[in-house]
ModelCIF file with pLDDT and N, C-alpha, C, O atoms, coordinates in Angstrom:
data_MODEL
#
_entry.id   MODEL 
#
_entity.id                         1 
_entity.type                       polymer 
_entity.pdbx_number_of_molecules   1 
#
_entity_poly.entity_id                      1 
_entity_poly.type                           'polypeptide(L)' 
_entity_poly.nstd_linkage                   no 
_entity_poly.nstd_monomer                   no 
_entity_poly.pdbx_seq_one_letter_code       IPYIGEVDILKLGHHGYSSSNTPEYLYALNPDYL 
_entity_poly.pdbx_seq_one_letter_code_can   IPYIGEVDILKLGHHGYSSSNTPEYLYALNPDYL 
_entity_poly.pdbx_strand_id                 A 
#
loop_
_entity_poly_seq.entity_id 
_entity_poly_seq.num 
_entity_poly_seq.mon_id 
_entity_poly_seq.hetero 
1 1  ILE n 
1 2  PRO n 
1 3  TYR n 
1 4  ILE n 
1 5  GLY n 
1 6  GLU n 
1 7  VAL n 
1 8  ASP n 
1 9  ILE n 
1 10 LEU n 
1 11 LYS n 
1 12 LEU n 
1 13 GLY n 
1 14 HIS n 
1 15 HIS n 
1 16 GLY n 
1 17 TYR n 
1 18 SER n 
1 19 SER n 
1 20 SER n 
1 21 ASN n 
1 22 THR n 
1 23 PRO n 
1 24 GLU n 
1 25 TYR n 
1 26 LEU n 
1 27 TYR n 
1 28 ALA n 
1 29 LEU n 
1 30 ASN n 
1 31 PRO n 
1 32 ASP n 
1 33 TYR n 
1 34 LEU n 
#
_struct_asym.id          A 
_struct_asym.entity_id   1 
#
loop_
_ma_qa_metric.id 
_ma_qa_metric.mode 
_ma_qa_metric.name 
_ma_qa_metric.software_group_id 
_ma_qa_metric.type 
1 global pLDDT . pLDDT 
2 local  pLDDT . pLDDT 
#
_ma_qa_metric_global.metric_id      1 
_ma_qa_metric_global.metric_value   90.50 
_ma_qa_metric_global.model_id       1 
_ma_qa_metric_global.ordinal_id     1 
#
loop_
_ma_qa_metric_local.label_asym_id 
_ma_qa_metric_local.label_comp_id 
_ma_qa_metric_local.label_seq_id 
_ma_qa_metric_local.metric_id 
_ma_qa_metric_local.metric_value 
_ma_qa_metric_local.model_id 
_ma_qa_metric_local.ordinal_id 
A ILE 1  2 94.00 1 1  
A PRO 2  2 96.00 1 2  
A TYR 3  2 94.00 1 3  
A ILE 4  2 95.00 1 4  
A GLY 5  2 96.00 1 5  
A GLU 6  2 97.00 1 6  
A VAL 7  2 98.00 1 7  
A ASP 8  2 98.00 1 8  
A ILE 9  2 97.00 1 9  
A LEU 10 2 95.00 1 10 
A LYS 11 2 92.00 1 11 
A LEU 12 2 90.00 1 12 
A GLY 13 2 83.00 1 13 
A HIS 14 2 78.00 1 14 
A HIS 15 2 71.00 1 15 
A GLY 16 2 71.00 1 16 
A TYR 17 2 69.00 1 17 
A SER 18 2 72.00 1 18 
A SER 19 2 74.00 1 19 
A SER 20 2 85.00 1 20 
A ASN 21 2 90.00 1 21 
A THR 22 2 91.00 1 22 
A PRO 23 2 93.00 1 23 
A GLU 24 2 94.00 1 24 
A TYR 25 2 94.00 1 25 
A LEU 26 2 95.00 1 26 
A TYR 27 2 97.00 1 27 
A ALA 28 2 97.00 1 28 
A LEU 29 2 97.00 1 29 
A ASN 30 2 98.00 1 30 
A PRO 31 2 97.00 1 31 
A ASP 32 2 98.00 1 32 
A TYR 33 2 97.00 1 33 
A LEU 34 2 94.00 1 34 
#
loop_
_atom_site.group_PDB 
_atom_site.id 
_atom_site.type_symbol 
_atom_site.label_atom_id 
_atom_site.label_alt_id 
_atom_site.label_comp_id 
_atom_site.label_asym_id 
_atom_site.label_entity_id 
_atom_site.label_seq_id 
_atom_site.pdbx_PDB_ins_code 
_atom_site.Cartn_x 
_atom_site.Cartn_y 
_atom_site.Cartn_z 
_atom_site.occupancy 
_atom_site.B_iso_or_equiv 
_atom_site.pdbx_formal_charge 
_atom_site.auth_seq_id 
_atom_site.auth_comp_id 
_atom_site.auth_asym_id 
_atom_site.auth_atom_id 
_atom_site.pdbx_PDB_model_num 
ATOM 1   N N  . ILE A 1 1  ? 0.809   -12.507 13.584 1.00 94.00 ? 1  ILE A N  1 
ATOM 2   C CA . ILE A 1 1  ? 1.993   -11.592 13.775 1.00 94.00 ? 1  ILE A CA 1 
ATOM 3   C C  . ILE A 1 1  ? 3.339   -12.283 13.610 1.00 94.00 ? 1  ILE A C  1 
ATOM 4   O O  . ILE A 1 1  ? 4.158   -11.965 12.747 1.00 94.00 ? 1  ILE A O  1 
ATOM 5   N N  . PRO A 1 2  ? 3.516   -13.329 14.574 1.00 96.00 ? 2  PRO A N  1 
ATOM 6   C CA . PRO A 1 2  ? 4.768   -13.904 14.774 1.00 96.00 ? 2  PRO A CA 1 
ATOM 7   C C  . PRO A 1 2  ? 5.261   -14.719 13.479 1.00 96.00 ? 2  PRO A C  1 
ATOM 8   O O  . PRO A 1 2  ? 6.452   -14.946 13.269 1.00 96.00 ? 2  PRO A O  1 
ATOM 9   N N  . TYR A 1 3  ? 4.325   -15.093 12.719 1.00 94.00 ? 3  TYR A N  1 
ATOM 10  C CA . TYR A 1 3  ? 4.859   -15.705 11.254 1.00 94.00 ? 3  TYR A CA 1 
ATOM 11  C C  . TYR A 1 3  ? 4.948   -14.759 10.289 1.00 94.00 ? 3  TYR A C  1 
ATOM 12  O O  . TYR A 1 3  ? 5.519   -15.097 9.253  1.00 94.00 ? 3  TYR A O  1 
ATOM 13  N N  . ILE A 1 4  ? 4.422   -13.386 10.393 1.00 95.00 ? 4  ILE A N  1 
ATOM 14  C CA . ILE A 1 4  ? 4.485   -12.452 9.193  1.00 95.00 ? 4  ILE A CA 1 
ATOM 15  C C  . ILE A 1 4  ? 5.681   -11.539 9.479  1.00 95.00 ? 4  ILE A C  1 
ATOM 16  O O  . ILE A 1 4  ? 6.426   -11.250 8.543  1.00 95.00 ? 4  ILE A O  1 
ATOM 17  N N  . GLY A 1 5  ? 5.920   -11.058 10.730 1.00 96.00 ? 5  GLY A N  1 
ATOM 18  C CA . GLY A 1 5  ? 6.897   -10.189 11.106 1.00 96.00 ? 5  GLY A CA 1 
ATOM 19  C C  . GLY A 1 5  ? 6.865   -8.584  10.513 1.00 96.00 ? 5  GLY A C  1 
ATOM 20  O O  . GLY A 1 5  ? 5.826   -8.137  10.026 1.00 96.00 ? 5  GLY A O  1 
ATOM 21  N N  . GLU A 1 6  ? 7.633   -8.082  10.569 1.00 97.00 ? 6  GLU A N  1 
ATOM 22  C CA . GLU A 1 6  ? 7.653   -6.646  9.841  1.00 97.00 ? 6  GLU A CA 1 
ATOM 23  C C  . GLU A 1 6  ? 7.840   -6.832  8.340  1.00 97.00 ? 6  GLU A C  1 
ATOM 24  O O  . GLU A 1 6  ? 8.636   -7.557  7.742  1.00 97.00 ? 6  GLU A O  1 
ATOM 25  N N  . VAL A 1 7  ? 6.739   -5.842  7.795  1.00 98.00 ? 7  VAL A N  1 
ATOM 26  C CA . VAL A 1 7  ? 7.034   -5.886  6.592  1.00 98.00 ? 7  VAL A CA 1 
ATOM 27  C C  . VAL A 1 7  ? 7.134   -4.319  5.707  1.00 98.00 ? 7  VAL A C  1 
ATOM 28  O O  . VAL A 1 7  ? 6.926   -3.248  6.277  1.00 98.00 ? 7  VAL A O  1 
ATOM 29  N N  . ASP A 1 8  ? 7.449   -4.418  4.401  1.00 98.00 ? 8  ASP A N  1 
ATOM 30  C CA . ASP A 1 8  ? 7.424   -2.906  3.874  1.00 98.00 ? 8  ASP A CA 1 
ATOM 31  C C  . ASP A 1 8  ? 6.081   -2.507  3.310  1.00 98.00 ? 8  ASP A C  1 
ATOM 32  O O  . ASP A 1 8  ? 5.765   -1.319  3.240  1.00 98.00 ? 8  ASP A O  1 
ATOM 33  N N  . ILE A 1 9  ? 5.312   -3.448  2.920  1.00 97.00 ? 9  ILE A N  1 
ATOM 34  C CA . ILE A 1 9  ? 3.981   -3.073  2.367  1.00 97.00 ? 9  ILE A CA 1 
ATOM 35  C C  . ILE A 1 9  ? 3.103   -4.036  3.184  1.00 97.00 ? 9  ILE A C  1 
ATOM 36  O O  . ILE A 1 9  ? 3.583   -5.083  3.617  1.00 97.00 ? 9  ILE A O  1 
ATOM 37  N N  . LEU A 1 10 ? 1.948   -3.727  3.377  1.00 95.00 ? 10 LEU A N  1 
ATOM 38  C CA . LEU A 1 10 ? 0.772   -4.470  3.738  1.00 95.00 ? 10 LEU A CA 1 
ATOM 39  C C  . LEU A 1 10 ? -0.338  -3.824  2.785  1.00 95.00 ? 10 LEU A C  1 
ATOM 40  O O  . LEU A 1 10 ? -0.516  -2.648  2.466  1.00 95.00 ? 10 LEU A O  1 
ATOM 41  N N  . LYS A 1 11 ? -1.095  -5.114  2.404  1.00 92.00 ? 11 LYS A N  1 
ATOM 42  C CA . LYS A 1 11 ? -2.453  -4.929  1.607  1.00 92.00 ? 11 LYS A CA 1 
ATOM 43  C C  . LYS A 1 11 ? -3.212  -5.041  2.975  1.00 92.00 ? 11 LYS A C  1 
ATOM 44  O O  . LYS A 1 11 ? -3.087  -5.974  3.768  1.00 92.00 ? 11 LYS A O  1 
ATOM 45  N N  . LEU A 1 12 ? -3.954  -4.030  3.112  1.00 90.00 ? 12 LEU A N  1 
ATOM 46  C CA . LEU A 1 12 ? -5.018  -4.087  4.257  1.00 90.00 ? 12 LEU A CA 1 
ATOM 47  C C  . LEU A 1 12 ? -5.866  -5.302  4.197  1.00 90.00 ? 12 LEU A C  1 
ATOM 48  O O  . LEU A 1 12 ? -6.152  -5.876  3.146  1.00 90.00 ? 12 LEU A O  1 
ATOM 49  N N  . GLY A 1 13 ? -6.299  -5.705  5.519  1.00 83.00 ? 13 GLY A N  1 
ATOM 50  C CA . GLY A 1 13 ? -7.096  -7.105  5.460  1.00 83.00 ? 13 GLY A CA 1 
ATOM 51  C C  . GLY A 1 13 ? -8.289  -6.552  5.126  1.00 83.00 ? 13 GLY A C  1 
ATOM 52  O O  . GLY A 1 13 ? -8.535  -5.393  5.460  1.00 83.00 ? 13 GLY A O  1 
ATOM 53  N N  . HIS A 1 14 ? -9.284  -7.392  4.346  1.00 78.00 ? 14 HIS A N  1 
ATOM 54  C CA . HIS A 1 14 ? -10.742 -7.126  4.039  1.00 78.00 ? 14 HIS A CA 1 
ATOM 55  C C  . HIS A 1 14 ? -11.240 -5.630  3.707  1.00 78.00 ? 14 HIS A C  1 
ATOM 56  O O  . HIS A 1 14 ? -12.063 -4.921  4.285  1.00 78.00 ? 14 HIS A O  1 
ATOM 57  N N  . HIS A 1 15 ? -10.482 -5.416  2.624  1.00 71.00 ? 15 HIS A N  1 
ATOM 58  C CA . HIS A 1 15 ? -10.638 -4.066  1.868  1.00 71.00 ? 15 HIS A CA 1 
ATOM 59  C C  . HIS A 1 15 ? -10.579 -2.756  2.891  1.00 71.00 ? 15 HIS A C  1 
ATOM 60  O O  . HIS A 1 15 ? -10.990 -1.613  2.688  1.00 71.00 ? 15 HIS A O  1 
ATOM 61  N N  . GLY A 1 16 ? -9.834  -3.397  4.223  1.00 71.00 ? 16 GLY A N  1 
ATOM 62  C CA . GLY A 1 16 ? -9.787  -1.817  5.177  1.00 71.00 ? 16 GLY A CA 1 
ATOM 63  C C  . GLY A 1 16 ? -11.062 -1.831  6.079  1.00 71.00 ? 16 GLY A C  1 
ATOM 64  O O  . GLY A 1 16 ? -11.322 -0.862  6.794  1.00 71.00 ? 16 GLY A O  1 
ATOM 65  N N  . TYR A 1 17 ? -11.901 -3.006  6.034  1.00 69.00 ? 17 TYR A N  1 
ATOM 66  C CA . TYR A 1 17 ? -12.808 -2.530  7.078  1.00 69.00 ? 17 TYR A CA 1 
ATOM 67  C C  . TYR A 1 17 ? -12.409 -2.735  8.464  1.00 69.00 ? 17 TYR A C  1 
ATOM 68  O O  . TYR A 1 17 ? -11.340 -3.255  8.784  1.00 69.00 ? 17 TYR A O  1 
ATOM 69  N N  . SER A 1 18 ? -13.523 -2.204  9.491  1.00 72.00 ? 18 SER A N  1 
ATOM 70  C CA . SER A 1 18 ? -12.970 -2.131  10.669 1.00 72.00 ? 18 SER A CA 1 
ATOM 71  C C  . SER A 1 18 ? -12.890 -3.316  11.606 1.00 72.00 ? 18 SER A C  1 
ATOM 72  O O  . SER A 1 18 ? -12.469 -3.295  12.762 1.00 72.00 ? 18 SER A O  1 
ATOM 73  N N  . SER A 1 19 ? -13.502 -4.673  10.723 1.00 74.00 ? 19 SER A N  1 
ATOM 74  C CA . SER A 1 19 ? -13.457 -5.974  11.495 1.00 74.00 ? 19 SER A CA 1 
ATOM 75  C C  . SER A 1 19 ? -11.847 -6.398  11.308 1.00 74.00 ? 19 SER A C  1 
ATOM 76  O O  . SER A 1 19 ? -11.408 -7.446  11.781 1.00 74.00 ? 19 SER A O  1 
ATOM 77  N N  . SER A 1 20 ? -11.112 -5.549  10.635 1.00 85.00 ? 20 SER A N  1 
ATOM 78  C CA . SER A 1 20 ? -9.615  -6.071  10.453 1.00 85.00 ? 20 SER A CA 1 
ATOM 79  C C  . SER A 1 20 ? -8.614  -5.046  10.646 1.00 85.00 ? 20 SER A C  1 
ATOM 80  O O  . SER A 1 20 ? -9.024  -3.913  10.896 1.00 85.00 ? 20 SER A O  1 
ATOM 81  N N  . ASN A 1 21 ? -7.251  -5.273  10.567 1.00 90.00 ? 21 ASN A N  1 
ATOM 82  C CA . ASN A 1 21 ? -6.283  -4.277  10.646 1.00 90.00 ? 21 ASN A CA 1 
ATOM 83  C C  . ASN A 1 21 ? -6.375  -3.629  12.024 1.00 90.00 ? 21 ASN A C  1 
ATOM 84  O O  . ASN A 1 21 ? -6.446  -2.400  12.014 1.00 90.00 ? 21 ASN A O  1 
ATOM 85  N N  . THR A 1 22 ? -6.386  -4.228  13.179 1.00 91.00 ? 22 THR A N  1 
ATOM 86  C CA . THR A 1 22 ? -6.249  -3.798  14.298 1.00 91.00 ? 22 THR A CA 1 
ATOM 87  C C  . THR A 1 22 ? -5.053  -3.120  14.737 1.00 91.00 ? 22 THR A C  1 
ATOM 88  O O  . THR A 1 22 ? -3.991  -3.613  14.357 1.00 91.00 ? 22 THR A O  1 
ATOM 89  N N  . PRO A 1 23 ? -5.002  -1.859  15.622 1.00 93.00 ? 23 PRO A N  1 
ATOM 90  C CA . PRO A 1 23 ? -3.956  -1.369  15.810 1.00 93.00 ? 23 PRO A CA 1 
ATOM 91  C C  . PRO A 1 23 ? -2.695  -2.057  16.386 1.00 93.00 ? 23 PRO A C  1 
ATOM 92  O O  . PRO A 1 23 ? -1.516  -1.783  16.163 1.00 93.00 ? 23 PRO A O  1 
ATOM 93  N N  . GLU A 1 24 ? -3.159  -2.898  17.084 1.00 94.00 ? 24 GLU A N  1 
ATOM 94  C CA . GLU A 1 24 ? -1.641  -4.003  17.425 1.00 94.00 ? 24 GLU A CA 1 
ATOM 95  C C  . GLU A 1 24 ? -1.097  -4.705  16.270 1.00 94.00 ? 24 GLU A C  1 
ATOM 96  O O  . GLU A 1 24 ? 0.121   -4.769  16.104 1.00 94.00 ? 24 GLU A O  1 
ATOM 97  N N  . TYR A 1 25 ? -2.033  -5.304  15.357 1.00 94.00 ? 25 TYR A N  1 
ATOM 98  C CA . TYR A 1 25 ? -1.597  -5.896  14.140 1.00 94.00 ? 25 TYR A CA 1 
ATOM 99  C C  . TYR A 1 25 ? -0.799  -4.867  13.283 1.00 94.00 ? 25 TYR A C  1 
ATOM 100 O O  . TYR A 1 25 ? 0.265   -5.240  12.791 1.00 94.00 ? 25 TYR A O  1 
ATOM 101 N N  . LEU A 1 26 ? -1.285  -3.474  13.052 1.00 95.00 ? 26 LEU A N  1 
ATOM 102 C CA . LEU A 1 26 ? -0.540  -2.664  12.258 1.00 95.00 ? 26 LEU A CA 1 
ATOM 103 C C  . LEU A 1 26 ? 0.729   -2.155  12.944 1.00 95.00 ? 26 LEU A C  1 
ATOM 104 O O  . LEU A 1 26 ? 1.741   -2.017  12.256 1.00 95.00 ? 26 LEU A O  1 
ATOM 105 N N  . TYR A 1 27 ? 0.751   -1.882  14.174 1.00 97.00 ? 27 TYR A N  1 
ATOM 106 C CA . TYR A 1 27 ? 2.124   -1.596  15.058 1.00 97.00 ? 27 TYR A CA 1 
ATOM 107 C C  . TYR A 1 27 ? 2.864   -2.841  14.900 1.00 97.00 ? 27 TYR A C  1 
ATOM 108 O O  . TYR A 1 27 ? 4.027   -2.589  14.582 1.00 97.00 ? 27 TYR A O  1 
ATOM 109 N N  . ALA A 1 28 ? 2.643   -4.034  14.995 1.00 97.00 ? 28 ALA A N  1 
ATOM 110 C CA . ALA A 1 28 ? 3.602   -4.985  14.832 1.00 97.00 ? 28 ALA A CA 1 
ATOM 111 C C  . ALA A 1 28 ? 4.216   -5.460  13.409 1.00 97.00 ? 28 ALA A C  1 
ATOM 112 O O  . ALA A 1 28 ? 5.286   -6.015  13.161 1.00 97.00 ? 28 ALA A O  1 
ATOM 113 N N  . LEU A 1 29 ? 3.284   -5.094  12.663 1.00 97.00 ? 29 LEU A N  1 
ATOM 114 C CA . LEU A 1 29 ? 3.897   -5.510  11.264 1.00 97.00 ? 29 LEU A CA 1 
ATOM 115 C C  . LEU A 1 29 ? 4.700   -4.247  10.701 1.00 97.00 ? 29 LEU A C  1 
ATOM 116 O O  . LEU A 1 29 ? 5.559   -4.350  9.825  1.00 97.00 ? 29 LEU A O  1 
ATOM 117 N N  . ASN A 1 30 ? 4.333   -3.076  11.287 1.00 98.00 ? 30 ASN A N  1 
ATOM 118 C CA . ASN A 1 30 ? 4.980   -1.934  11.068 1.00 98.00 ? 30 ASN A CA 1 
ATOM 119 C C  . ASN A 1 30 ? 5.628   -1.591  9.406  1.00 98.00 ? 30 ASN A C  1 
ATOM 120 O O  . ASN A 1 30 ? 6.777   -1.383  9.015  1.00 98.00 ? 30 ASN A O  1 
ATOM 121 N N  . PRO A 1 31 ? 4.297   -1.649  8.690  1.00 97.00 ? 31 PRO A N  1 
ATOM 122 C CA . PRO A 1 31 ? 4.663   -1.182  7.111  1.00 97.00 ? 31 PRO A CA 1 
ATOM 123 C C  . PRO A 1 31 ? 4.814   -0.012  6.887  1.00 97.00 ? 31 PRO A C  1 
ATOM 124 O O  . PRO A 1 31 ? 4.277   0.813   7.627  1.00 97.00 ? 31 PRO A O  1 
ATOM 125 N N  . ASP A 1 32 ? 5.587   0.380   5.804  1.00 98.00 ? 32 ASP A N  1 
ATOM 126 C CA . ASP A 1 32 ? 6.050   1.582   5.453  1.00 98.00 ? 32 ASP A CA 1 
ATOM 127 C C  . ASP A 1 32 ? 5.028   2.176   4.550  1.00 98.00 ? 32 ASP A C  1 
ATOM 128 O O  . ASP A 1 32 ? 4.813   3.384   4.444  1.00 98.00 ? 32 ASP A O  1 
ATOM 129 N N  . TYR A 1 33 ? 4.363   1.144   3.852  1.00 97.00 ? 33 TYR A N  1 
ATOM 130 C CA . TYR A 1 33 ? 3.140   1.459   2.825  1.00 97.00 ? 33 TYR A CA 1 
ATOM 131 C C  . TYR A 1 33 ? 1.818   0.744   3.235  1.00 97.00 ? 33 TYR A C  1 
ATOM 132 O O  . TYR A 1 33 ? 1.897   -0.449  3.528  1.00 97.00 ? 33 TYR A O  1 
ATOM 133 N N  . LEU A 1 34 ? 1.134   1.099   3.261  1.00 94.00 ? 34 LEU A N  1 
ATOM 134 C CA . LEU A 1 34 ? -0.457  0.276   3.310  1.00 94.00 ? 34 LEU A CA 1 
ATOM 135 C C  . LEU A 1 34 ? -1.316  0.422   1.816  1.00 94.00 ? 34 LEU A C  1 
ATOM 136 O O  . LEU A 1 34 ? -2.428  -0.091  1.690  1.00 94.00 ? 34 LEU A O  1 
#
């Protein structure tokens, strides 16, 4: 998170699997589009 910062577009990690894309991660990156 500290290295990425906020983004406009986020390609979900690992095809959107539940082992990726935690709520904390999504909230911190704050993407406009997934």
